[in-house]
C-alpha atoms as a PDB file:
ATOM      1  CA  UNK A   1      -2.161   4.410  -6.807  1.00  0.00           C
ATOM      2  CA  UNK A   2      -4.363   7.041  -5.500  1.00  0.00           C
ATOM      3  CA  UNK A   3      -6.891   5.889  -2.889  1.00  0.00           C
ATOM      4  CA  UNK A   4      -9.690   7.741  -1.285  1.00  0.00           C
ATOM      5  CA  UNK A   5     -13.125   7.274   0.216  1.00  0.00           C
ATOM      6  CA  UNK A   6     -16.216   9.294  -0.759  1.00  0.00           C
ATOM      7  CA  UNK A   7     -19.267   9.044   1.440  1.00  0.00           C
ATOM      8  CA  UNK A   8     -22.383   8.104  -0.423  1.00  0.00           C
ATOM      9  CA  UNK A   9     -25.813   6.435   0.087  1.00  0.00           C
ATOM     10  CA  UNK A  10     -26.708   3.650  -2.254  1.00  0.00           C
ATOM     11  CA  UNK A  11     -27.480   0.014  -2.520  1.00  0.00           C
ATOM     12  CA  UNK A  12     -24.555  -2.332  -1.978  1.00  0.00           C
ATOM     13  CA  UNK A  13     -23.893  -4.399  -5.047  1.00  0.00           C
ATOM     14  CA  UNK A  14     -25.157  -8.008  -5.021  1.00  0.00           C
ATOM     15  CA  UNK A  15     -27.035  -7.481  -1.666  1.00  0.00           C
ATOM     16  CA  UNK A  16     -30.729  -7.295  -1.399  1.00  0.00           C
ATOM     17  CA  UNK A  17     -31.361  -4.541   1.149  1.00  0.00           C
ATOM     18  CA  UNK A  18     -30.275  -0.921   0.642  1.00  0.00           C
ATOM     19  CA  UNK A  19     -27.831   0.398   3.197  1.00  0.00           C
ATOM     20  CA  UNK A  20     -25.465   3.265   3.730  1.00  0.00           C
ATOM     21  CA  UNK A  21     -22.257   2.768   1.944  1.00  0.00           C
ATOM     22  CA  UNK A  22     -19.103   4.497   0.783  1.00  0.00           C
ATOM     23  CA  UNK A  23     -17.476   4.421  -2.610  1.00  0.00           C
ATOM     24  CA  UNK A  24     -13.969   3.218  -2.510  1.00  0.00           C
ATOM     25  CA  UNK A  25     -11.620   3.555  -5.432  1.00  0.00           C
ATOM     26  CA  UNK A  26      -8.879   0.881  -5.255  1.00  0.00           C
ATOM     27  CA  UNK A  27      -6.451  -1.142  -7.314  1.00  0.00           C
ATOM     28  CA  UNK A  28      -8.972  -3.083  -9.434  1.00  0.00           C
ATOM     29  CA  UNK A  29     -11.881  -0.591  -9.621  1.00  0.00           C
ATOM     30  CA  UNK A  30     -14.492   1.138  -7.624  1.00  0.00           C
ATOM     31  CA  UNK A  31     -16.640  -0.496  -4.965  1.00  0.00           C
ATOM     32  CA  UNK A  32     -19.371   0.746  -2.611  1.00  0.00           C
ATOM     33  CA  UNK A  33     -18.891  -0.899   0.731  1.00  0.00           C
ATOM     34  CA  UNK A  34     -20.871  -0.563   4.028  1.00  0.00           C
ATOM     35  CA  UNK A  35     -19.873   2.334   6.190  1.00  0.00           C
ATOM     36  CA  UNK A  36     -19.529   0.057   9.182  1.00  0.00           C
ATOM     37  CA  UNK A  37     -18.945  -3.490   7.886  1.00  0.00           C
ATOM     38  CA  UNK A  38     -19.800  -6.264  10.321  1.00  0.00           C
ATOM     39  CA  UNK A  39     -18.949  -9.418   8.489  1.00  0.00           C
ATOM     40  CA  UNK A  40     -15.508  -8.993   7.004  1.00  0.00           C
ATOM     41  CA  UNK A  41     -13.456 -11.571   5.115  1.00  0.00           C
ATOM     42  CA  UNK A  42      -9.687 -10.888   4.934  1.00  0.00           C
ATOM     43  CA  UNK A  43      -8.282 -12.902   2.054  1.00  0.00           C
ATOM     44  CA  UNK A  44      -4.559 -12.560   2.910  1.00  0.00           C
ATOM     45  CA  UNK A  45      -2.303 -12.057   5.850  1.00  0.00           C
ATOM     46  CA  UNK A  46      -1.314  -8.348   5.273  1.00  0.00           C
ATOM     47  CA  UNK A  47      -4.910  -7.240   5.368  1.00  0.00           C
ATOM     48  CA  UNK A  48      -5.778  -9.640   8.211  1.00  0.00           C
ATOM     49  CA  UNK A  49      -2.988  -8.175  10.311  1.00  0.00           C
ATOM     50  CA  UNK A  50      -4.217  -4.596   9.619  1.00  0.00           C
ATOM     51  CA  UNK A  51      -7.780  -5.521  10.565  1.00  0.00           C
ATOM     52  CA  UNK A  52      -6.688  -7.269  13.821  1.00  0.00           C
ATOM     53  CA  UNK A  53      -4.536  -4.312  14.803  1.00  0.00           C
ATOM     54  CA  UNK A  54      -7.630  -2.141  14.300  1.00  0.00           C
ATOM     55  CA  UNK A  55      -9.566  -4.424  16.646  1.00  0.00           C
ATOM     56  CA  UNK A  56     -11.675  -5.688  13.751  1.00  0.00           C
ATOM     57  CA  UNK A  57     -12.051  -9.466  13.826  1.00  0.00           C
ATOM     58  CA  UNK A  58     -12.746 -10.910  10.411  1.00  0.00           C
ATOM     59  CA  UNK A  59     -15.170 -13.881  10.202  1.00  0.00           C
ATOM     60  CA  UNK A  60     -12.916 -15.776   7.829  1.00  0.00           C
ATOM     61  CA  UNK A  61      -9.606 -15.882   6.110  1.00  0.00           C
ATOM     62  CA  UNK A  62      -7.641 -18.059   3.735  1.00  0.00           C
ATOM     63  CA  UNK A  63      -4.843 -20.193   5.269  1.00  0.00           C
ATOM     64  CA  UNK A  64      -1.789 -18.058   5.240  1.00  0.00           C
ATOM     65  CA  UNK A  65       1.636 -19.299   4.091  1.00  0.00           C
ATOM     66  CA  UNK A  66       2.922 -18.298   7.497  1.00  0.00           C
ATOM     67  CA  UNK A  67       0.034 -19.453   9.511  1.00  0.00           C
ATOM     68  CA  UNK A  68       2.223 -20.651  12.399  1.00  0.00           C
ATOM     69  CA  UNK A  69       3.649 -17.150  12.803  1.00  0.00           C
ATOM     70  CA  UNK A  70       0.229 -15.522  12.254  1.00  0.00           C
ATOM     71  CA  UNK A  71      -1.240 -17.285  15.309  1.00  0.00           C
ATOM     72  CA  UNK A  72       1.458 -15.744  17.487  1.00  0.00           C
ATOM     73  CA  UNK A  73      -0.494 -12.487  17.473  1.00  0.00           C
ATOM     74  CA  UNK A  74      -3.921 -14.046  16.928  1.00  0.00           C
ATOM     75  CA  UNK A  75      -3.406 -16.007  20.087  1.00  0.00           C
ATOM     76  CA  UNK A  76      -6.407 -17.756  21.636  1.00  0.00           C
ATOM     77  CA  UNK A  77      -8.777 -16.014  19.263  1.00  0.00           C
ATOM     78  CA  UNK A  78      -7.943 -18.216  16.367  1.00  0.00           C
ATOM     79  CA  UNK A  79     -11.307 -19.985  16.724  1.00  0.00           C
ATOM     80  CA  UNK A  80     -13.030 -16.834  15.468  1.00  0.00           C
ATOM     81  CA  UNK A  81     -11.776 -17.564  11.969  1.00  0.00           C
ATOM     82  CA  UNK A  82     -13.380 -19.852   9.445  1.00  0.00           C
ATOM     83  CA  UNK A  83     -10.741 -21.295   7.179  1.00  0.00           C
ATOM     84  CA  UNK A  84     -11.399 -20.724   3.476  1.00  0.00           C
ATOM     85  CA  UNK A  85      -8.699 -23.057   2.274  1.00  0.00           C
ATOM     86  CA  UNK A  86      -5.307 -22.059   0.864  1.00  0.00           C
ATOM     87  CA  UNK A  87      -4.405 -18.544   0.107  1.00  0.00           C
ATOM     88  CA  UNK A  88      -5.062 -17.856  -3.583  1.00  0.00           C
ATOM     89  CA  UNK A  89      -7.586 -20.647  -3.795  1.00  0.00           C
ATOM     90  CA  UNK A  90     -10.355 -19.768  -1.293  1.00  0.00           C
ATOM     91  CA  UNK A  91     -13.528 -21.879  -1.101  1.00  0.00           C
ATOM     92  CA  UNK A  92     -16.175 -19.766  -2.904  1.00  0.00           C
ATOM     93  CA  UNK A  93     -19.098 -21.824  -1.657  1.00  0.00           C
ATOM     94  CA  UNK A  94     -18.045 -21.344   1.988  1.00  0.00           C
ATOM     95  CA  UNK A  95     -17.477 -17.600   1.371  1.00  0.00           C
ATOM     96  CA  UNK A  96     -21.097 -17.417  -0.015  1.00  0.00           C
ATOM     97  CA  UNK A  97     -22.504 -19.355   2.937  1.00  0.00           C
ATOM     98  CA  UNK A  98     -20.803 -16.896   5.403  1.00  0.00           C
ATOM     99  CA  UNK A  99     -22.779 -14.045   3.897  1.00  0.00           C
ATOM    100  CA  UNK A 100     -19.984 -11.380   4.248  1.00  0.00           C
ATOM    101  CA  UNK A 101     -20.686  -7.669   3.802  1.00  0.00           C
ATOM    102  CA  UNK A 102     -17.026  -6.951   2.780  1.00  0.00           C
ATOM    103  CA  UNK A 103     -14.152  -8.856   1.276  1.00  0.00           C
ATOM    104  CA  UNK A 104     -10.651  -7.339   1.433  1.00  0.00           C
ATOM    105  CA  UNK A 105      -7.280  -8.469   0.223  1.00  0.00           C
ATOM    106  CA  UNK A 106      -4.007  -7.771  -1.513  1.00  0.00           C
ATOM    107  CA  UNK A 107      -3.228 -10.899  -3.475  1.00  0.00           C
ATOM    108  CA  UNK A 108      -6.548 -10.966  -5.421  1.00  0.00           C
ATOM    109  CA  UNK A 109      -6.469 -11.642  -9.145  1.00  0.00           C
ATOM    110  CA  UNK A 110      -8.799  -9.936 -11.640  1.00  0.00           C
ATOM    111  CA  UNK A 111     -10.583 -13.282 -12.052  1.00  0.00           C
ATOM    112  CA  UNK A 112     -11.147 -13.701  -8.315  1.00  0.00           C
ATOM    113  CA  UNK A 113     -12.053 -10.081  -7.949  1.00  0.00           C
ATOM    114  CA  UNK A 114     -14.997 -10.606 -10.341  1.00  0.00           C
ATOM    115  CA  UNK A 115     -16.084 -13.749  -8.469  1.00  0.00           C
ATOM    116  CA  UNK A 116     -15.744 -12.181  -5.042  1.00  0.00           C
ATOM    117  CA  UNK A 117     -17.726  -9.096  -6.031  1.00  0.00           C
ATOM    118  CA  UNK A 118     -20.718 -11.372  -6.774  1.00  0.00           C
ATOM    119  CA  UNK A 119     -20.609 -12.458  -3.144  1.00  0.00           C
ATOM    120  CA  UNK A 120     -19.951  -9.144  -1.411  1.00  0.00           C
ATOM    121  CA  UNK A 121     -18.319  -5.770  -2.124  1.00  0.00           C
ATOM    122  CA  UNK A 122     -14.624  -6.446  -2.649  1.00  0.00           C
ATOM    123  CA  UNK A 123     -11.678  -4.036  -2.176  1.00  0.00           C
ATOM    124  CA  UNK A 124      -8.128  -4.832  -3.365  1.00  0.00           C
ATOM    125  CA  UNK A 125      -5.107  -3.005  -1.870  1.00  0.00           C
ATOM    126  CA  UNK A 126      -1.717  -2.486  -3.361  1.00  0.00           C
ATOM    127  CA  UNK A 127       1.033  -4.957  -2.597  1.00  0.00           C
ATOM    128  CA  UNK A 128       3.843  -2.483  -1.891  1.00  0.00           C
ATOM    129  CA  UNK A 129       6.322  -3.979   0.702  1.00  0.00           C
ATOM    130  CA  UNK A 130       7.760  -0.800   2.101  1.00  0.00           C
ATOM    131  CA  UNK A 131       4.456   1.105   2.156  1.00  0.00           C
ATOM    132  CA  UNK A 132       2.663  -1.149   4.667  1.00  0.00           C
ATOM    133  CA  UNK A 133       1.777   1.849   6.816  1.00  0.00           C
ATOM    134  CA  UNK A 134      -0.236   3.301   3.937  1.00  0.00           C
ATOM    135  CA  UNK A 135      -2.023  -0.007   3.454  1.00  0.00           C
ATOM    136  CA  UNK A 136      -2.902  -0.026   7.198  1.00  0.00           C
ATOM    137  CA  UNK A 137      -4.370   3.500   6.811  1.00  0.00           C
ATOM    138  CA  UNK A 138      -6.304   2.530   3.681  1.00  0.00           C
ATOM    139  CA  UNK A 139      -7.737  -0.504   5.439  1.00  0.00           C
ATOM    140  CA  UNK A 140      -8.623   1.745   8.398  1.00  0.00           C
ATOM    141  CA  UNK A 141     -10.469   4.183   6.076  1.00  0.00           C
ATOM    142  CA  UNK A 142     -12.475   1.333   4.517  1.00  0.00           C
ATOM    143  CA  UNK A 143     -13.314  -0.062   8.020  1.00  0.00           C
ATOM    144  CA  UNK A 144     -14.062   3.329   9.543  1.00  0.00           C
ATOM    145  CA  UNK A 145     -11.206   3.054  12.043  1.00  0.00           C
ATOM    146  CA  UNK A 146      -8.882   5.930  11.014  1.00  0.00           C
ATOM    147  CA  UNK A 147      -8.300   7.099  14.591  1.00  0.00           C
ATOM    148  CA  UNK A 148      -7.330   3.567  15.618  1.00  0.00           C
ATOM    149  CA  UNK A 149      -4.752   3.397  12.831  1.00  0.00           C
ATOM    150  CA  UNK A 150      -3.231   6.663  13.999  1.00  0.00           C
ATOM    151  CA  UNK A 151      -3.077   5.268  17.541  1.00  0.00           C
ATOM    152  CA  UNK A 152      -1.287   2.070  16.617  1.00  0.00           C
ATOM    153  CA  UNK A 153       1.173   3.878  14.401  1.00  0.00           C
ATOM    154  CA  UNK A 154       1.937   6.358  17.206  1.00  0.00           C
ATOM    155  CA  UNK A 155       2.598   3.380  19.509  1.00  0.00           C
ATOM    156  CA  UNK A 156       4.908   1.884  16.907  1.00  0.00           C
ATOM    157  CA  UNK A 157       6.766   5.194  16.626  1.00  0.00           C
ATOM    158  CA  UNK A 158       7.093   5.427  20.373  1.00  0.00           C
ATOM    159  CA  UNK A 159       8.700   1.950  20.454  1.00  0.00           C
ATOM    160  CA  UNK A 160      11.145   3.056  17.730  1.00  0.00           C
ATOM    161  CA  UNK A 161      12.188   6.058  19.826  1.00  0.00           C
ATOM    162  CA  UNK A 162      12.683   3.748  22.841  1.00  0.00           C
ATOM    163  CA  UNK A 163      14.907   1.507  20.724  1.00  0.00           C
ATOM    164  CA  UNK A 164      16.931   4.351  19.364  1.00  0.00           C
ATOM    165  CA  UNK A 165      17.461   5.755  22.886  1.00  0.00           C
ATOM    166  CA  UNK A 166      18.613   2.346  24.120  1.00  0.00           C
ATOM    167  CA  UNK A 167      21.015   1.913  21.204  1.00  0.00           C
ATOM    168  CA  UNK A 168      22.568   5.307  21.629  1.00  0.00           C
ATOM    169  CA  UNK A 169      25.681   5.773  19.508  1.00  0.00           C
ATOM    170  CA  UNK A 170      25.584   2.146  18.431  1.00  0.00           C
ATOM    171  CA  UNK A 171      22.600   3.004  16.176  1.00  0.00           C
ATOM    172  CA  UNK A 172      24.838   4.816  13.717  1.00  0.00           C
ATOM    173  CA  UNK A 173      27.532   2.159  13.965  1.00  0.00           C
ATOM    174  CA  UNK A 174      25.613  -1.078  13.470  1.00  0.00           C
ATOM    175  CA  UNK A 175      25.203  -2.475  10.000  1.00  0.00           C
ATOM    176  CA  UNK A 176      22.461  -5.148   9.679  1.00  0.00           C
ATOM    177  CA  UNK A 177      21.726  -7.688   6.914  1.00  0.00           C
ATOM    178  CA  UNK A 178      18.475  -9.578   6.398  1.00  0.00           C
ATOM    179  CA  UNK A 179      18.980 -12.763   4.529  1.00  0.00           C
ATOM    180  CA  UNK A 180      16.311 -15.277   3.392  1.00  0.00           C
ATOM    181  CA  UNK A 181      17.270 -18.876   2.603  1.00  0.00           C
ATOM    182  CA  UNK A 182      15.133 -21.158   0.410  1.00  0.00           C
ATOM    183  CA  UNK A 183      15.027 -24.907  -0.121  1.00  0.00           C
ATOM    184  CA  UNK A 184      15.325 -24.841  -3.847  1.00  0.00           C
ATOM    185  CA  UNK A 185      16.472 -21.289  -4.795  1.00  0.00           C
ATOM    186  CA  UNK A 186      19.529 -19.180  -4.099  1.00  0.00           C
ATOM    187  CA  UNK A 187      19.349 -17.070  -0.930  1.00  0.00           C
ATOM    188  CA  UNK A 188      18.735 -13.358  -1.053  1.00  0.00           C
ATOM    189  CA  UNK A 189      19.103 -10.181   0.969  1.00  0.00           C
ATOM    190  CA  UNK A 190      16.193  -7.877   1.621  1.00  0.00           C
ATOM    191  CA  UNK A 191      16.669  -4.333   0.433  1.00  0.00           C
ATOM    192  CA  UNK A 192      15.635  -1.103   2.069  1.00  0.00           C
ATOM    193  CA  UNK A 193      12.401  -1.106  -0.018  1.00  0.00           C
ATOM    194  CA  UNK A 194      11.333  -4.564   1.359  1.00  0.00           C
ATOM    195  CA  UNK A 195       9.008  -4.913   4.352  1.00  0.00           C
ATOM    196  CA  UNK A 196      11.771  -5.650   6.857  1.00  0.00           C
ATOM    197  CA  UNK A 197      14.100  -3.189   5.230  1.00  0.00           C
ATOM    198  CA  UNK A 198      11.537  -0.473   5.844  1.00  0.00           C
ATOM    199  CA  UNK A 199      11.410  -1.283   9.564  1.00  0.00           C
ATOM    200  CA  UNK A 200      15.221  -1.019   9.715  1.00  0.00           C
ATOM    201  CA  UNK A 201      14.889   2.342   7.874  1.00  0.00           C
ATOM    202  CA  UNK A 202      12.366   3.432  10.441  1.00  0.00           C
ATOM    203  CA  UNK A 203      14.639   2.675  13.367  1.00  0.00           C
ATOM    204  CA  UNK A 204      17.687   4.059  11.627  1.00  0.00           C
ATOM    205  CA  UNK A 205      19.890   0.930  11.385  1.00  0.00           C
ATOM    206  CA  UNK A 206      22.373   0.849   8.556  1.00  0.00           C
ATOM    207  CA  UNK A 207      22.696  -1.774   5.854  1.00  0.00           C
ATOM    208  CA  UNK A 208      26.112  -3.070   4.914  1.00  0.00           C
ATOM    209  CA  UNK A 209      28.076  -0.855   2.514  1.00  0.00           C
ATOM    210  CA  UNK A 210      28.013  -3.437  -0.280  1.00  0.00           C
ATOM    211  CA  UNK A 211      24.192  -3.432  -0.171  1.00  0.00           C
ATOM    212  CA  UNK A 212      23.988   0.402  -0.048  1.00  0.00           C
ATOM    213  CA  UNK A 213      26.139   0.538  -3.220  1.00  0.00           C
ATOM    214  CA  UNK A 214      23.422  -1.418  -5.082  1.00  0.00           C
ATOM    215  CA  UNK A 215      20.538   1.036  -5.655  1.00  0.00           C
ATOM    216  CA  UNK A 216      17.946  -1.610  -6.205  1.00  0.00           C
ATOM    217  CA  UNK A 217      14.272  -0.859  -6.684  1.00  0.00           C
ATOM    218  CA  UNK A 218      13.512  -4.518  -6.057  1.00  0.00           C
ATOM    219  CA  UNK A 219      12.676  -5.699  -2.539  1.00  0.00           C
ATOM    220  CA  UNK A 220      15.336  -8.467  -2.700  1.00  0.00           C
ATOM    221  CA  UNK A 221      18.638  -9.332  -4.372  1.00  0.00           C
ATOM    222  CA  UNK A 222      20.089 -12.803  -4.915  1.00  0.00           C
ATOM    223  CA  UNK A 223      23.279 -13.791  -3.052  1.00  0.00           C
ATOM    224  CA  UNK A 224      25.763 -16.341  -4.319  1.00  0.00           C
ATOM    225  CA  UNK A 225      28.630 -18.051  -2.463  1.00  0.00           C
ATOM    226  CA  UNK A 226      30.957 -15.880  -4.512  1.00  0.00           C
ATOM    227  CA  UNK A 227      29.209 -12.700  -3.315  1.00  0.00           C
ATOM    228  CA  UNK A 228      28.890 -13.370   0.400  1.00  0.00           C
ATOM    229  CA  UNK A 229      30.352  -9.936   0.900  1.00  0.00           C
ATOM    230  CA  UNK A 230      26.856  -8.671   0.256  1.00  0.00           C
ATOM    231  CA  UNK A 231      25.839  -9.997   3.605  1.00  0.00           C
ATOM    232  CA  UNK A 232      28.791  -8.636   5.516  1.00  0.00           C
ATOM    233  CA  UNK A 233      27.871  -6.499   8.477  1.00  0.00           C
ATOM    234  CA  UNK A 234      27.756  -6.436  12.241  1.00  0.00           C
ATOM    235  CA  UNK A 235      24.555  -8.443  12.469  1.00  0.00           C
ATOM    236  CA  UNK A 236      22.878 -10.942  10.145  1.00  0.00           C
ATOM    237  CA  UNK A 237      19.239 -11.929  10.680  1.00  0.00           C
ATOM    238  CA  UNK A 238      18.603 -15.232   8.839  1.00  0.00           C
ATOM    239  CA  UNK A 239      15.029 -16.202   7.856  1.00  0.00           C
ATOM    240  CA  UNK A 240      14.791 -19.792   6.857  1.00  0.00           C
ATOM    241  CA  UNK A 241      12.063 -21.312   4.756  1.00  0.00           C
ATOM    242  CA  UNK A 242      11.086 -24.975   5.583  1.00  0.00           C
ATOM    243  CA  UNK A 243      13.615 -27.294   4.013  1.00  0.00           C
ATOM    244  CA  UNK A 244      16.246 -24.568   3.732  1.00  0.00           C
ATOM    245  CA  UNK A 245      18.509 -25.983   6.424  1.00  0.00           C
ATOM    246  CA  UNK A 246      20.816 -27.716   3.914  1.00  0.00           C
ATOM    247  CA  UNK A 247      21.106 -24.575   1.827  1.00  0.00           C
ATOM    248  CA  UNK A 248      21.992 -22.569   4.936  1.00  0.00           C
ATOM    249  CA  UNK A 249      24.572 -25.167   6.052  1.00  0.00           C
ATOM    250  CA  UNK A 250      26.239 -25.014   2.642  1.00  0.00           C
ATOM    251  CA  UNK A 251      26.836 -21.354   3.158  1.00  0.00           C
ATOM    252  CA  UNK A 252      27.876 -21.802   6.727  1.00  0.00           C
ATOM    253  CA  UNK A 253      30.616 -24.283   5.827  1.00  0.00           C
ATOM    254  CA  UNK A 254      31.979 -21.983   3.147  1.00  0.00           C
ATOM    255  CA  UNK A 255      35.376 -20.469   4.037  1.00  0.00           C
ATOM    256  CA  UNK A 256      33.984 -17.094   2.793  1.00  0.00           C
ATOM    257  CA  UNK A 257      31.155 -17.305   5.320  1.00  0.00           C
ATOM    258  CA  UNK A 258      33.741 -17.588   8.131  1.00  0.00           C
ATOM    259  CA  UNK A 259      35.232 -14.321   7.040  1.00  0.00           C
ATOM    260  CA  UNK A 260      32.034 -12.288   7.634  1.00  0.00           C
ATOM    261  CA  UNK A 261      32.131  -9.938  10.557  1.00  0.00           C
ATOM    262  CA  UNK A 262      28.874 -11.098  12.066  1.00  0.00           C
ATOM    263  CA  UNK A 263      30.001 -14.731  11.915  1.00  0.00           C
ATOM    264  CA  UNK A 264      33.326 -14.066  13.533  1.00  0.00           C
ATOM    265  CA  UNK A 265      31.604 -12.106  16.332  1.00  0.00           C
ATOM    266  CA  UNK A 266      28.844 -14.675  16.825  1.00  0.00           C
ATOM    267  CA  UNK A 267      26.050 -12.341  15.785  1.00  0.00           C
ATOM    268  CA  UNK A 268      24.121 -14.365  13.296  1.00  0.00           C
ATOM    269  CA  UNK A 269      20.529 -14.948  14.422  1.00  0.00           C
ATOM    270  CA  UNK A 270      17.853 -17.262  12.946  1.00  0.00           C
ATOM    271  CA  UNK A 271      14.518 -15.421  12.966  1.00  0.00           C
ATOM    272  CA  UNK A 272      10.967 -16.239  11.968  1.00  0.00           C
ATOM    273  CA  UNK A 273      10.441 -15.541   8.222  1.00  0.00           C
ATOM    274  CA  UNK A 274       6.613 -15.602   8.887  1.00  0.00           C
ATOM    275  CA  UNK A 275       6.778 -12.015  10.215  1.00  0.00           C
ATOM    276  CA  UNK A 276      10.295 -10.836   9.067  1.00  0.00           C
ATOM    277  CA  UNK A 277       9.652 -11.119   5.295  1.00  0.00           C
ATOM    278  CA  UNK A 278       6.188  -9.719   4.780  1.00  0.00           C
ATOM    279  CA  UNK A 279       3.447  -8.260   6.931  1.00  0.00           C
ATOM    280  CA  UNK A 280       1.900  -5.210   8.486  1.00  0.00           C
ATOM    281  CA  UNK A 281       1.923  -3.440  11.846  1.00  0.00           C
ATOM    282  CA  UNK A 282       1.774  -6.597  13.953  1.00  0.00           C
ATOM    283  CA  UNK A 283       4.697  -8.159  12.121  1.00  0.00           C
ATOM    284  CA  UNK A 284       6.562  -4.861  12.332  1.00  0.00           C
ATOM    285  CA  UNK A 285       6.173  -4.884  16.047  1.00  0.00           C
ATOM    286  CA  UNK A 286       7.413  -8.495  16.282  1.00  0.00           C
ATOM    287  CA  UNK A 287      10.513  -7.405  14.292  1.00  0.00           C
ATOM    288  CA  UNK A 288      10.999  -4.650  16.885  1.00  0.00           C
ATOM    289  CA  UNK A 289      10.709  -7.275  19.581  1.00  0.00           C
ATOM    290  CA  UNK A 290      13.565  -9.143  17.910  1.00  0.00           C
ATOM    291  CA  UNK A 291      15.702  -6.001  17.558  1.00  0.00           C
ATOM    292  CA  UNK A 292      15.243  -5.245  21.252  1.00  0.00           C
ATOM    293  CA  UNK A 293      16.028  -8.863  22.123  1.00  0.00           C
ATOM    294  CA  UNK A 294      19.167  -9.295  19.963  1.00  0.00           C
ATOM    295  CA  UNK A 295      20.669  -5.799  19.812  1.00  0.00           C
ATOM    296  CA  UNK A 296      19.684  -4.395  23.210  1.00  0.00           C
ATOM    297  CA  UNK A 297      19.420  -7.441  25.455  1.00  0.00           C
ATOM    298  CA  UNK A 298      22.205  -9.300  23.475  1.00  0.00           C
ATOM    299  CA  UNK A 299      20.271 -12.570  23.512  1.00  0.00           C
ATOM    300  CA  UNK A 300      22.471 -15.594  22.809  1.00  0.00           C
ATOM    301  CA  UNK A 301      20.105 -18.602  22.802  1.00  0.00           C
ATOM    302  CA  UNK A 302      19.144 -18.275  19.148  1.00  0.00           C
ATOM    303  CA  UNK A 303      22.620 -17.898  17.700  1.00  0.00           C
ATOM    304  CA  UNK A 304      23.342 -20.452  15.035  1.00  0.00           C
ATOM    305  CA  UNK A 305      25.888 -23.317  14.547  1.00  0.00           C
ATOM    306  CA  UNK A 306      26.066 -25.419  11.379  1.00  0.00           C
ATOM    307  CA  UNK A 307      24.815 -28.499  13.140  1.00  0.00           C
ATOM    308  CA  UNK A 308      22.353 -26.782  15.517  1.00  0.00           C
ATOM    309  CA  UNK A 309      19.812 -24.523  13.982  1.00  0.00           C
ATOM    310  CA  UNK A 310      16.867 -23.434  16.072  1.00  0.00           C
ATOM    311  CA  UNK A 311      13.972 -25.131  14.212  1.00  0.00           C
ATOM    312  CA  UNK A 312      11.388 -23.765  16.539  1.00  0.00           C
ATOM    313  CA  UNK A 313      11.806 -20.452  14.899  1.00  0.00           C
ATOM    314  CA  UNK A 314      10.987 -21.576  11.446  1.00  0.00           C
ATOM    315  CA  UNK A 315       7.904 -20.172   9.788  1.00  0.00           C
ATOM    316  CA  UNK A 316       5.402 -22.643   8.327  1.00  0.00           C
ATOM    317  CA  UNK A 317       5.640 -21.174   4.799  1.00  0.00           C
END
C-alpha cells in the first residue's frame, strides 16, 4: 500500500475551526489531519509504541492484549493514558469527550473507521508484521517526527551491530526458533516474515533448516508433536499465552522434545509474548535485550523445566 503525505491548508473534517492540515492517504481512504496534532488517540499497541518512541504521548488508548508488557516501556507515565476499554471495542462516548485532534490505529475496521472519523481525523496503518519499521516511519510522517524516527532506527541499528560484534563467528552458527504456545490451539513457530522473525533477520541469526525449507508467506506455521523437528535448533525462545502451561508441558514430556538440540543443551528460554510476538521499535529493542541476555551473557535463571516455568515472564494477553 503506497503511503505519502501532501501538505495542504483546509478545514479538518468534523472540527469547527479551520486549521492547517495535511492530506494523508492510508489503508482506508484519505484524511486531512493537523500538521502538529496535540491530542492523539492511539487505538492499538503497535501505533502506541511508535508514538511513544517518537516522544509523542497519546492522551488515550484502548487496553492492549499485552498491557502488562506494554507498561514495561511506558513505565511511570502510564497515568497519562485514559483507558478507552478493550482493544477493538473502544468507548466512543469517552473518545468524543476527550476531543482528540487525531485518531491512529492498525486494527480499525471499516465500521469503526467511519465512526471514528466523525470524532476526529482518523488514519489507519497497514498490519504487516515484518514491515514495522515502515509503520514507524509512516506514523512519524503523520506526527511530523520524521527526524526522530530516523534517530531511533539508527540507534536500533547500532545495537544490532554491537550484538553482531559480540556474537562473532557464533552469529553464523546459531540457529534460533521462536515458538508460541496457546491454551486451546496447537503451538506454532514464527517465520522470518513475522515481527520477531524480522528482528532475527536484522541481526543475522539463522532459523533451523527445517523451517528454512518451508518457504511460507504466513507469519506463523503450526507445530504438532509429530513435527517437533520444526523447532530443532541451537536455541528455542518460547512465548507462552496465559493458560498455555499445560500445553507446553505436554510437549516437554514428549520423548521427541527430549531429542531437540536446544533441550539437550539446556537452551530453551521462556520469554514475554507481549513483546516477542507483535510490536514496533520498543518491542524490537526488548527482543534485542533478550538476545543480549541469553546469547551473549548466557543467562540461566529463565531456563525451563517441566514443573518450573517462570510465570513472571508471561504476557497478560
